[in-house]
Amino acid sequence: DLPAATRAWSASSGDDRFIFLFGGYSSSPDTNAKAQSGHFEKKVYRYDTKLDAYQEMSPLPFANADMSFHFLKGAFYGAGGEPVQKARAAWTFIGKLGNEP
């Protein structure tokens, strides 16, 4: 199970233990709502495949959905994405991993 009801997030991994989930879009779980309300996410989660547990990490600098992230030489690189509905971002995010387990 995922840590939050979110769609359009990106997933990437730098090794065989951790999977990172970036951003996305969260909408109201209320199925009776006339109009779906939601928001773009800044959250980053790390899933530990050995412990079967999620940990919330430092957030993205800006909320963004569907940004493509790739891992290279100790850092995640993300480009593009959707910061608001029907708009595309020209952003590039770079996040280095610290000395975490």
PDB file of N, CA and C in Angstrom:
ATOM      1  N   ASP A   1       0.837  -1.186   0.000  1.00  0.00           N
ATOM      2  CA  ASP A   1       0.000   0.000   0.000  1.00  0.00           C
ATOM      3  C   ASP A   1       0.879   1.244   0.000  1.00  0.00           C
ATOM      4  N   LEU A   2       0.405   2.269  -0.710  1.00  0.00           N
ATOM      5  CA  LEU A   2       1.127   3.539  -0.771  1.00  0.00           C
ATOM      6  C   LEU A   2       0.841   4.383   0.468  1.00  0.00           C
ATOM      7  N   PRO A   3       1.715   5.329   0.800  1.00  0.00           N
ATOM      8  CA  PRO A   3       1.534   6.123   2.026  1.00  0.00           C
ATOM      9  C   PRO A   3       0.428   7.168   1.929  1.00  0.00           C
ATOM     10  N   ALA A   4       0.001   7.531   0.726  1.00  0.00           N
ATOM     11  CA  ALA A   4      -1.022   8.566   0.556  1.00  0.00           C
ATOM     12  C   ALA A   4      -1.749   8.339  -0.769  1.00  0.00           C
ATOM     13  N   ALA A   5      -3.004   8.759  -0.816  1.00  0.00           N
ATOM     14  CA  ALA A   5      -3.785   8.650  -2.054  1.00  0.00           C
ATOM     15  C   ALA A   5      -3.331   9.755  -3.005  1.00  0.00           C
ATOM     16  N   THR A   6      -2.411   9.419  -3.872  1.00  0.00           N
ATOM     17  CA  THR A   6      -1.786  10.387  -4.774  1.00  0.00           C
ATOM     18  C   THR A   6      -1.642   9.766  -6.144  1.00  0.00           C
ATOM     19  N   ARG A   7      -1.777  10.594  -7.174  1.00  0.00           N
ATOM     20  CA  ARG A   7      -1.553  10.114  -8.542  1.00  0.00           C
ATOM     21  C   ARG A   7      -0.522  11.013  -9.215  1.00  0.00           C
ATOM     22  N   ALA A   8       0.005  10.563 -10.325  1.00  0.00           N
ATOM     23  CA  ALA A   8       0.957  11.325 -11.148  1.00  0.00           C
ATOM     24  C   ALA A   8       2.233  11.665 -10.411  1.00  0.00           C
ATOM     25  N   TRP A   9       2.651  10.786  -9.489  1.00  0.00           N
ATOM     26  CA  TRP A   9       3.960  11.022  -8.902  1.00  0.00           C
ATOM     27  C   TRP A   9       4.988  10.216  -9.645  1.00  0.00           C
ATOM     28  N   SER A  10       6.229  10.517  -9.401  1.00  0.00           N
ATOM     29  CA  SER A  10       7.326   9.838 -10.071  1.00  0.00           C
ATOM     30  C   SER A  10       7.999   8.917  -9.074  1.00  0.00           C
ATOM     31  N   ALA A  11       8.541   7.817  -9.551  1.00  0.00           N
ATOM     32  CA  ALA A  11       9.272   6.887  -8.693  1.00  0.00           C
ATOM     33  C   ALA A  11      10.633   6.626  -9.309  1.00  0.00           C
ATOM     34  N   SER A  12      11.641   6.536  -8.446  1.00  0.00           N
ATOM     35  CA  SER A  12      12.988   6.250  -8.915  1.00  0.00           C
ATOM     36  C   SER A  12      13.768   5.610  -7.774  1.00  0.00           C
ATOM     37  N   SER A  13      14.831   4.905  -8.121  1.00  0.00           N
ATOM     38  CA  SER A  13      15.639   4.234  -7.113  1.00  0.00           C
ATOM     39  C   SER A  13      17.107   4.346  -7.466  1.00  0.00           C
ATOM     40  N   GLY A  14      17.932   4.476  -6.426  1.00  0.00           N
ATOM     41  CA  GLY A  14      19.371   4.535  -6.636  1.00  0.00           C
ATOM     42  C   GLY A  14      20.070   3.246  -6.274  1.00  0.00           C
ATOM     43  N   ASP A  15      19.324   2.316  -5.665  1.00  0.00           N
ATOM     44  CA  ASP A  15      19.910   1.038  -5.275  1.00  0.00           C
ATOM     45  C   ASP A  15      18.798  -0.011  -5.188  1.00  0.00           C
ATOM     46  N   ASP A  16      19.125  -1.176  -4.662  1.00  0.00           N
ATOM     47  CA  ASP A  16      18.130  -2.249  -4.601  1.00  0.00           C
ATOM     48  C   ASP A  16      17.343  -2.258  -3.290  1.00  0.00           C
ATOM     49  N   ARG A  17      17.550  -1.251  -2.427  1.00  0.00           N
ATOM     50  CA  ARG A  17      16.821  -1.211  -1.160  1.00  0.00           C
ATOM     51  C   ARG A  17      15.739  -0.142  -1.114  1.00  0.00           C
ATOM     52  N   PHE A  18      16.019   1.065  -1.603  1.00  0.00           N
ATOM     53  CA  PHE A  18      15.097   2.178  -1.442  1.00  0.00           C
ATOM     54  C   PHE A  18      14.465   2.611  -2.766  1.00  0.00           C
ATOM     55  N   ILE A  19      13.171   2.913  -2.695  1.00  0.00           N
ATOM     56  CA  ILE A  19      12.436   3.476  -3.833  1.00  0.00           C
ATOM     57  C   ILE A  19      11.892   4.823  -3.366  1.00  0.00           C
ATOM     58  N   PHE A  20      12.124   5.859  -4.145  1.00  0.00           N
ATOM     59  CA  PHE A  20      11.671   7.205  -3.806  1.00  0.00           C
ATOM     60  C   PHE A  20      10.450   7.571  -4.641  1.00  0.00           C
ATOM     61  N   LEU A  21       9.470   8.204  -3.992  1.00  0.00           N
ATOM     62  CA  LEU A  21       8.258   8.697  -4.651  1.00  0.00           C
ATOM     63  C   LEU A  21       8.261  10.215  -4.542  1.00  0.00           C
ATOM     64  N   PHE A  22       8.065  10.895  -5.661  1.00  0.00           N
ATOM     65  CA  PHE A  22       8.199  12.357  -5.727  1.00  0.00           C
ATOM     66  C   PHE A  22       6.890  13.025  -6.145  1.00  0.00           C
ATOM     67  N   GLY A  23       6.466  14.041  -5.365  1.00  0.00           N
ATOM     68  CA  GLY A  23       5.365  14.931  -5.746  1.00  0.00           C
ATOM     69  C   GLY A  23       4.060  14.218  -6.016  1.00  0.00           C
ATOM     70  N   GLY A  24       3.390  14.635  -7.085  1.00  0.00           N
ATOM     71  CA  GLY A  24       2.121  14.044  -7.472  1.00  0.00           C
ATOM     72  C   GLY A  24       0.957  14.994  -7.257  1.00  0.00           C
ATOM     73  N   TYR A  25      -0.233  14.422  -7.356  1.00  0.00           N
ATOM     74  CA  TYR A  25      -1.465  15.200  -7.210  1.00  0.00           C
ATOM     75  C   TYR A  25      -2.410  14.419  -6.303  1.00  0.00           C
ATOM     76  N   SER A  26      -2.875  15.065  -5.230  1.00  0.00           N
ATOM     77  CA  SER A  26      -3.809  14.449  -4.283  1.00  0.00           C
ATOM     78  C   SER A  26      -5.181  15.045  -4.489  1.00  0.00           C
ATOM     79  N   SER A  27      -6.187  14.201  -4.504  1.00  0.00           N
ATOM     80  CA  SER A  27      -7.550  14.723  -4.634  1.00  0.00           C
ATOM     81  C   SER A  27      -8.405  14.202  -3.489  1.00  0.00           C
ATOM     82  N   SER A  28      -9.534  14.826  -3.322  1.00  0.00           N
ATOM     83  CA  SER A  28     -10.441  14.501  -2.237  1.00  0.00           C
ATOM     84  C   SER A  28     -10.926  13.061  -2.357  1.00  0.00           C
ATOM     85  N   PRO A  29     -10.901  12.309  -1.258  1.00  0.00           N
ATOM     86  CA  PRO A  29     -11.426  10.944  -1.303  1.00  0.00           C
ATOM     87  C   PRO A  29     -12.952  10.903  -1.254  1.00  0.00           C
ATOM     88  N   ASP A  30     -13.594  12.070  -1.129  1.00  0.00           N
ATOM     89  CA  ASP A  30     -15.051  12.135  -1.034  1.00  0.00           C
ATOM     90  C   ASP A  30     -15.678  11.852  -2.396  1.00  0.00           C
ATOM     91  N   THR A  31     -16.246  10.675  -2.564  1.00  0.00           N
ATOM     92  CA  THR A  31     -16.850  10.298  -3.850  1.00  0.00           C
ATOM     93  C   THR A  31     -18.180  11.005  -4.078  1.00  0.00           C
ATOM     94  N   ASN A  32     -18.761  11.632  -3.045  1.00  0.00           N
ATOM     95  CA  ASN A  32     -20.021  12.362  -3.184  1.00  0.00           C
ATOM     96  C   ASN A  32     -19.809  13.825  -3.569  1.00  0.00           C
ATOM     97  N   ALA A  33     -18.566  14.279  -3.625  1.00  0.00           N
ATOM     98  CA  ALA A  33     -18.282  15.678  -3.962  1.00  0.00           C
ATOM     99  C   ALA A  33     -18.684  15.941  -5.413  1.00  0.00           C
ATOM    100  N   LYS A  34     -19.308  17.094  -5.653  1.00  0.00           N
ATOM    101  CA  LYS A  34     -19.727  17.457  -7.013  1.00  0.00           C
ATOM    102  C   LYS A  34     -18.532  17.732  -7.903  1.00  0.00           C
ATOM    103  N   ALA A  35     -17.535  18.388  -7.364  1.00  0.00           N
ATOM    104  CA  ALA A  35     -16.309  18.674  -8.114  1.00  0.00           C
ATOM    105  C   ALA A  35     -15.129  18.167  -7.290  1.00  0.00           C
ATOM    106  N   GLN A  36     -14.242  17.491  -7.949  1.00  0.00           N
ATOM    107  CA  GLN A  36     -13.064  16.984  -7.247  1.00  0.00           C
ATOM    108  C   GLN A  36     -12.154  18.146  -6.879  1.00  0.00           C
ATOM    109  N   SER A  37     -11.779  18.205  -5.629  1.00  0.00           N
ATOM    110  CA  SER A  37     -10.825  19.220  -5.198  1.00  0.00           C
ATOM    111  C   SER A  37      -9.521  18.501  -4.875  1.00  0.00           C
ATOM    112  N   GLY A  38      -8.434  19.130  -5.220  1.00  0.00           N
ATOM    113  CA  GLY A  38      -7.148  18.505  -4.952  1.00  0.00           C
ATOM    114  C   GLY A  38      -6.047  19.529  -5.010  1.00  0.00           C
ATOM    115  N   HIS A  39      -4.821  19.027  -4.839  1.00  0.00           N
ATOM    116  CA  HIS A  39      -3.685  19.934  -4.895  1.00  0.00           C
ATOM    117  C   HIS A  39      -2.437  19.174  -5.330  1.00  0.00           C
ATOM    118  N   PHE A  40      -1.505  19.929  -5.878  1.00  0.00           N
ATOM    119  CA  PHE A  40      -0.223  19.373  -6.296  1.00  0.00           C
ATOM    120  C   PHE A  40       0.653  19.223  -5.057  1.00  0.00           C
ATOM    121  N   GLU A  41       1.460  18.175  -5.035  1.00  0.00           N
ATOM    122  CA  GLU A  41       2.239  17.809  -3.856  1.00  0.00           C
ATOM    123  C   GLU A  41       3.717  18.170  -3.972  1.00  0.00           C
ATOM    124  N   LYS A  42       4.325  18.464  -2.816  1.00  0.00           N
ATOM    125  CA  LYS A  42       5.775  18.659  -2.707  1.00  0.00           C
ATOM    126  C   LYS A  42       6.418  17.474  -1.988  1.00  0.00           C
ATOM    127  N   LYS A  43       5.615  16.581  -1.464  1.00  0.00           N
ATOM    128  CA  LYS A  43       6.118  15.509  -0.610  1.00  0.00           C
ATOM    129  C   LYS A  43       7.011  14.521  -1.360  1.00  0.00           C
ATOM    130  N   VAL A  44       7.989  14.009  -0.627  1.00  0.00           N
ATOM    131  CA  VAL A  44       8.874  12.948  -1.122  1.00  0.00           C
ATOM    132  C   VAL A  44       8.874  11.848  -0.069  1.00  0.00           C
ATOM    133  N   TYR A  45       8.626  10.622  -0.507  1.00  0.00           N
ATOM    134  CA  TYR A  45       8.659   9.467   0.377  1.00  0.00           C
ATOM    135  C   TYR A  45       9.766   8.520  -0.053  1.00  0.00           C
ATOM    136  N   ARG A  46      10.329   7.842   0.934  1.00  0.00           N
ATOM    137  CA  ARG A  46      11.306   6.796   0.659  1.00  0.00           C
ATOM    138  C   ARG A  46      10.726   5.489   1.181  1.00  0.00           C
ATOM    139  N   TYR A  47      10.626   4.515   0.296  1.00  0.00           N
ATOM    140  CA  TYR A  47      10.147   3.187   0.684  1.00  0.00           C
ATOM    141  C   TYR A  47      11.345   2.272   0.888  1.00  0.00           C
ATOM    142  N   ASP A  48      11.413   1.651   2.056  1.00  0.00           N
ATOM    143  CA  ASP A  48      12.483   0.723   2.398  1.00  0.00           C
ATOM    144  C   ASP A  48      11.990  -0.690   2.095  1.00  0.00           C
ATOM    145  N   THR A  49      12.570  -1.329   1.096  1.00  0.00           N
ATOM    146  CA  THR A  49      12.118  -2.659   0.679  1.00  0.00           C
ATOM    147  C   THR A  49      12.446  -3.731   1.719  1.00  0.00           C
ATOM    148  N   LYS A  50      13.444  -3.511   2.555  1.00  0.00           N
ATOM    149  CA  LYS A  50      13.787  -4.493   3.590  1.00  0.00           C
ATOM    150  C   LYS A  50      12.838  -4.412   4.778  1.00  0.00           C
ATOM    151  N   LEU A  51      12.475  -3.197   5.184  1.00  0.00           N
ATOM    152  CA  LEU A  51      11.611  -3.005   6.347  1.00  0.00           C
ATOM    153  C   LEU A  51      10.132  -2.889   5.981  1.00  0.00           C
ATOM    154  N   ASP A  52       9.825  -2.804   4.681  1.00  0.00           N
ATOM    155  CA  ASP A  52       8.455  -2.612   4.201  1.00  0.00           C
ATOM    156  C   ASP A  52       7.817  -1.404   4.892  1.00  0.00           C
ATOM    157  N   ALA A  53       8.529  -0.255   4.820  1.00  0.00           N
ATOM    158  CA  ALA A  53       8.064   0.949   5.504  1.00  0.00           C
ATOM    159  C   ALA A  53       8.403   2.189   4.691  1.00  0.00           C
ATOM    160  N   TYR A  54       7.545   3.220   4.826  1.00  0.00           N
ATOM    161  CA  TYR A  54       7.759   4.512   4.184  1.00  0.00           C
ATOM    162  C   TYR A  54       8.277   5.516   5.192  1.00  0.00           C
ATOM    163  N   GLN A  55       9.116   6.436   4.713  1.00  0.00           N
ATOM    164  CA  GLN A  55       9.582   7.554   5.521  1.00  0.00           C
ATOM    165  C   GLN A  55       9.421   8.818   4.682  1.00  0.00           C
ATOM    166  N   GLU A  56       8.853   9.873   5.275  1.00  0.00           N
ATOM    167  CA  GLU A  56       8.733  11.134   4.551  1.00  0.00           C
ATOM    168  C   GLU A  56      10.084  11.837   4.588  1.00  0.00           C
ATOM    169  N   MET A  57      10.555  12.279   3.443  1.00  0.00           N
ATOM    170  CA  MET A  57      11.859  12.910   3.294  1.00  0.00           C
ATOM    171  C   MET A  57      11.683  14.422   3.127  1.00  0.00           C
ATOM    172  N   SER A  58      12.779  15.137   2.886  1.00  0.00           N
ATOM    173  CA  SER A  58      12.697  16.572   2.596  1.00  0.00           C
ATOM    174  C   SER A  58      11.844  16.768   1.347  1.00  0.00           C
ATOM    175  N   PRO A  59      10.982  17.791   1.337  1.00  0.00           N
ATOM    176  CA  PRO A  59      10.080  17.985   0.201  1.00  0.00           C
ATOM    177  C   PRO A  59      10.785  18.575  -1.025  1.00  0.00           C
ATOM    178  N   LEU A  60      10.087  18.495  -2.147  1.00  0.00           N
ATOM    179  CA  LEU A  60      10.544  19.183  -3.356  1.00  0.00           C
ATOM    180  C   LEU A  60      10.491  20.692  -3.110  1.00  0.00           C
ATOM    181  N   PRO A  61      11.263  21.483  -3.837  1.00  0.00           N
ATOM    182  CA  PRO A  61      11.215  22.937  -3.631  1.00  0.00           C
ATOM    183  C   PRO A  61       9.875  23.556  -4.042  1.00  0.00           C
ATOM    184  N   PHE A  62       9.192  22.927  -5.001  1.00  0.00           N
ATOM    185  CA  PHE A  62       7.880  23.387  -5.461  1.00  0.00           C
ATOM    186  C   PHE A  62       6.998  22.174  -5.699  1.00  0.00           C
ATOM    187  N   ALA A  63       5.702  22.341  -5.525  1.00  0.00           N
ATOM    188  CA  ALA A  63       4.760  21.259  -5.815  1.00  0.00           C
ATOM    189  C   ALA A  63       4.807  20.943  -7.309  1.00  0.00           C
ATOM    190  N   ASN A  64       4.754  19.656  -7.634  1.00  0.00           N
ATOM    191  CA  ASN A  64       4.866  19.250  -9.035  1.00  0.00           C
ATOM    192  C   ASN A  64       4.390  17.815  -9.192  1.00  0.00           C
ATOM    193  N   ALA A  65       3.653  17.563 -10.249  1.00  0.00           N
ATOM    194  CA  ALA A  65       3.190  16.212 -10.570  1.00  0.00           C
ATOM    195  C   ALA A  65       3.827  15.746 -11.872  1.00  0.00           C
ATOM    196  N   ASP A  66       4.033  14.468 -11.975  1.00  0.00           N
ATOM    197  CA  ASP A  66       4.480  13.825 -13.215  1.00  0.00           C
ATOM    198  C   ASP A  66       5.844  14.321 -13.706  1.00  0.00           C
ATOM    199  N   MET A  67       6.714  14.693 -12.772  1.00  0.00           N
ATOM    200  CA  MET A  67       8.085  15.056 -13.125  1.00  0.00           C
ATOM    201  C   MET A  67       8.883  13.762 -13.229  1.00  0.00           C
ATOM    202  N   SER A  68       9.674  13.632 -14.235  1.00  0.00           N
ATOM    203  CA  SER A  68      10.462  12.421 -14.437  1.00  0.00           C
ATOM    204  C   SER A  68      11.793  12.531 -13.686  1.00  0.00           C
ATOM    205  N   PHE A  69      12.044  11.594 -12.747  1.00  0.00           N
ATOM    206  CA  PHE A  69      13.274  11.584 -11.956  1.00  0.00           C
ATOM    207  C   PHE A  69      14.153  10.403 -12.341  1.00  0.00           C
ATOM    208  N   HIS A  70      15.452  10.653 -12.357  1.00  0.00           N
ATOM    209  CA  HIS A  70      16.446   9.620 -12.648  1.00  0.00           C
ATOM    210  C   HIS A  70      17.604   9.772 -11.674  1.00  0.00           C
ATOM    211  N   PHE A  71      18.235   8.658 -11.329  1.00  0.00           N
ATOM    212  CA  PHE A  71      19.333   8.657 -10.376  1.00  0.00           C
ATOM    213  C   PHE A  71      20.651   8.503 -11.112  1.00  0.00           C
ATOM    214  N   LEU A  72      21.632   9.351 -10.776  1.00  0.00           N
ATOM    215  CA  LEU A  72      22.951   9.279 -11.402  1.00  0.00           C
ATOM    216  C   LEU A  72      24.001   9.805 -10.428  1.00  0.00           C
ATOM    217  N   LYS A  73      25.001   8.996 -10.134  1.00  0.00           N
ATOM    218  CA  LYS A  73      26.152   9.393  -9.305  1.00  0.00           C
ATOM    219  C   LYS A  73      25.747  10.070  -7.995  1.00  0.00           C
ATOM    220  N   GLY A  74      24.878   9.443  -7.239  1.00  0.00           N
ATOM    221  CA  GLY A  74      24.515   9.933  -5.913  1.00  0.00           C
ATOM    222  C   GLY A  74      23.472  11.023  -5.851  1.00  0.00           C
ATOM    223  N   ALA A  75      22.830  11.339  -6.980  1.00  0.00           N
ATOM    224  CA  ALA A  75      21.818  12.399  -6.976  1.00  0.00           C
ATOM    225  C   ALA A  75      20.632  12.020  -7.861  1.00  0.00           C
ATOM    226  N   PHE A  76      19.468  12.539  -7.496  1.00  0.00           N
ATOM    227  CA  PHE A  76      18.280  12.407  -8.328  1.00  0.00           C
ATOM    228  C   PHE A  76      18.140  13.669  -9.164  1.00  0.00           C
ATOM    229  N   TYR A  77      17.839  13.494 -10.427  1.00  0.00           N
ATOM    230  CA  TYR A  77      17.619  14.604 -11.359  1.00  0.00           C
ATOM    231  C   TYR A  77      16.187  14.497 -11.865  1.00  0.00           C
ATOM    232  N   GLY A  78      15.447  15.583 -11.720  1.00  0.00           N
ATOM    233  CA  GLY A  78      14.064  15.613 -12.192  1.00  0.00           C
ATOM    234  C   GLY A  78      13.875  16.771 -13.150  1.00  0.00           C
ATOM    235  N   ALA A  79      13.074  16.540 -14.187  1.00  0.00           N
ATOM    236  CA  ALA A  79      12.833  17.598 -15.177  1.00  0.00           C
ATOM    237  C   ALA A  79      11.380  17.598 -15.603  1.00  0.00           C
ATOM    238  N   GLY A  80      10.886  18.808 -15.899  1.00  0.00           N
ATOM    239  CA  GLY A  80       9.537  18.960 -16.436  1.00  0.00           C
ATOM    240  C   GLY A  80       8.477  18.894 -15.363  1.00  0.00           C
ATOM    241  N   GLY A  81       7.403  18.219 -15.666  1.00  0.00           N
ATOM    242  CA  GLY A  81       6.299  18.053 -14.737  1.00  0.00           C
ATOM    243  C   GLY A  81       5.197  19.076 -14.932  1.00  0.00           C
ATOM    244  N   GLU A  82       4.229  19.018 -14.023  1.00  0.00           N
ATOM    245  CA  GLU A  82       3.045  19.874 -14.076  1.00  0.00           C
ATOM    246  C   GLU A  82       2.869  20.548 -12.713  1.00  0.00           C
ATOM    247  N   PRO A  83       3.163  21.852 -12.598  1.00  0.00           N
ATOM    248  CA  PRO A  83       3.036  22.544 -11.312  1.00  0.00           C
ATOM    249  C   PRO A  83       1.614  23.011 -10.997  1.00  0.00           C
ATOM    250  N   VAL A  84       0.818  23.240 -12.007  1.00  0.00           N
ATOM    251  CA  VAL A  84      -0.602  23.589 -11.891  1.00  0.00           C
ATOM    252  C   VAL A  84      -1.311  22.905 -13.055  1.00  0.00           C
ATOM    253  N   GLN A  85      -2.626  22.811 -12.949  1.00  0.00           N
ATOM    254  CA  GLN A  85      -3.363  22.114 -14.002  1.00  0.00           C
ATOM    255  C   GLN A  85      -3.174  22.764 -15.369  1.00  0.00           C
ATOM    256  N   LYS A  86      -2.946  21.907 -16.358  1.00  0.00           N
ATOM    257  CA  LYS A  86      -2.805  22.290 -17.778  1.00  0.00           C
ATOM    258  C   LYS A  86      -1.611  23.201 -18.029  1.00  0.00           C
ATOM    259  N   ALA A  87      -0.563  23.040 -17.243  1.00  0.00           N
ATOM    260  CA  ALA A  87       0.670  23.805 -17.447  1.00  0.00           C
ATOM    261  C   ALA A  87       1.851  22.856 -17.328  1.00  0.00           C
ATOM    262  N   ARG A  88       2.901  23.128 -18.056  1.00  0.00           N
ATOM    263  CA  ARG A  88       4.125  22.322 -17.991  1.00  0.00           C
ATOM    264  C   ARG A  88       5.255  23.172 -17.443  1.00  0.00           C
ATOM    265  N   ALA A  89       6.087  22.556 -16.609  1.00  0.00           N
ATOM    266  CA  ALA A  89       7.190  23.273 -15.980  1.00  0.00           C
ATOM    267  C   ALA A  89       8.463  23.124 -16.801  1.00  0.00           C
ATOM    268  N   ALA A  90       9.280  24.154 -16.776  1.00  0.00           N
ATOM    269  CA  ALA A  90      10.594  24.120 -17.412  1.00  0.00           C
ATOM    270  C   ALA A  90      11.672  23.932 -16.348  1.00  0.00           C
ATOM    271  N   TRP A  91      11.289  23.345 -15.203  1.00  0.00           N
ATOM    272  CA  TRP A  91      12.180  23.193 -14.060  1.00  0.00           C
ATOM    273  C   TRP A  91      13.076  21.970 -14.190  1.00  0.00           C
ATOM    274  N   THR A  92      14.216  22.063 -13.526  1.00  0.00           N
ATOM    275  CA  THR A  92      15.082  20.912 -13.287  1.00  0.00           C
ATOM    276  C   THR A  92      15.406  20.906 -11.794  1.00  0.00           C
ATOM    277  N   PHE A  93      15.094  19.806 -11.122  1.00  0.00           N
ATOM    278  CA  PHE A  93      15.399  19.647  -9.701  1.00  0.00           C
ATOM    279  C   PHE A  93      16.550  18.663  -9.568  1.00  0.00           C
ATOM    280  N   ILE A  94      17.483  18.952  -8.664  1.00  0.00           N
ATOM    281  CA  ILE A  94      18.594  18.043  -8.377  1.00  0.00           C
ATOM    282  C   ILE A  94      18.643  17.859  -6.864  1.00  0.00           C
ATOM    283  N   GLY A  95      18.603  16.615  -6.425  1.00  0.00           N
ATOM    284  CA  GLY A  95      18.661  16.317  -5.007  1.00  0.00           C
ATOM    285  C   GLY A  95      19.692  15.257  -4.703  1.00  0.00           C
ATOM    286  N   LYS A  96      20.667  15.604  -3.887  1.00  0.00           N
ATOM    287  CA  LYS A  96      21.708  14.647  -3.514  1.00  0.00           C
ATOM    288  C   LYS A  96      21.293  13.867  -2.277  1.00  0.00           C
ATOM    289  N   LEU A  97      21.679  12.614  -2.245  1.00  0.00           N
ATOM    290  CA  LEU A  97      21.393  11.778  -1.083  1.00  0.00           C
ATOM    291  C   LEU A  97      22.472  11.992  -0.032  1.00  0.00           C
ATOM    292  N   GLY A  98      22.040  12.069   1.229  1.00  0.00           N
ATOM    293  CA  GLY A  98      22.980  12.200   2.335  1.00  0.00           C
ATOM    294  C   GLY A  98      23.487  10.835   2.773  1.00  0.00           C
ATOM    295  N   ASN A  99      24.111  10.781   3.900  1.00  0.00           N
ATOM    296  CA  ASN A  99      24.656   9.530   4.436  1.00  0.00           C
ATOM    297  C   ASN A  99      23.607   8.837   5.309  1.00  0.00           C
ATOM    298  N   GLU A 100      22.453   8.568   4.740  1.00  0.00           N
ATOM    299  CA  GLU A 100      21.387   7.899   5.476  1.00  0.00           C
ATOM    300  C   GLU A 100      21.522   6.398   5.282  1.00  0.00           C
ATOM    301  N   PRO A 101      20.910   5.604   6.151  1.00  0.00           N
ATOM    302  CA  PRO A 101      21.029   4.138   6.038  1.00  0.00           C
ATOM    303  C   PRO A 101      20.527   3.597   4.729  1.00  0.00           C
TER     304      PRO A 101
END
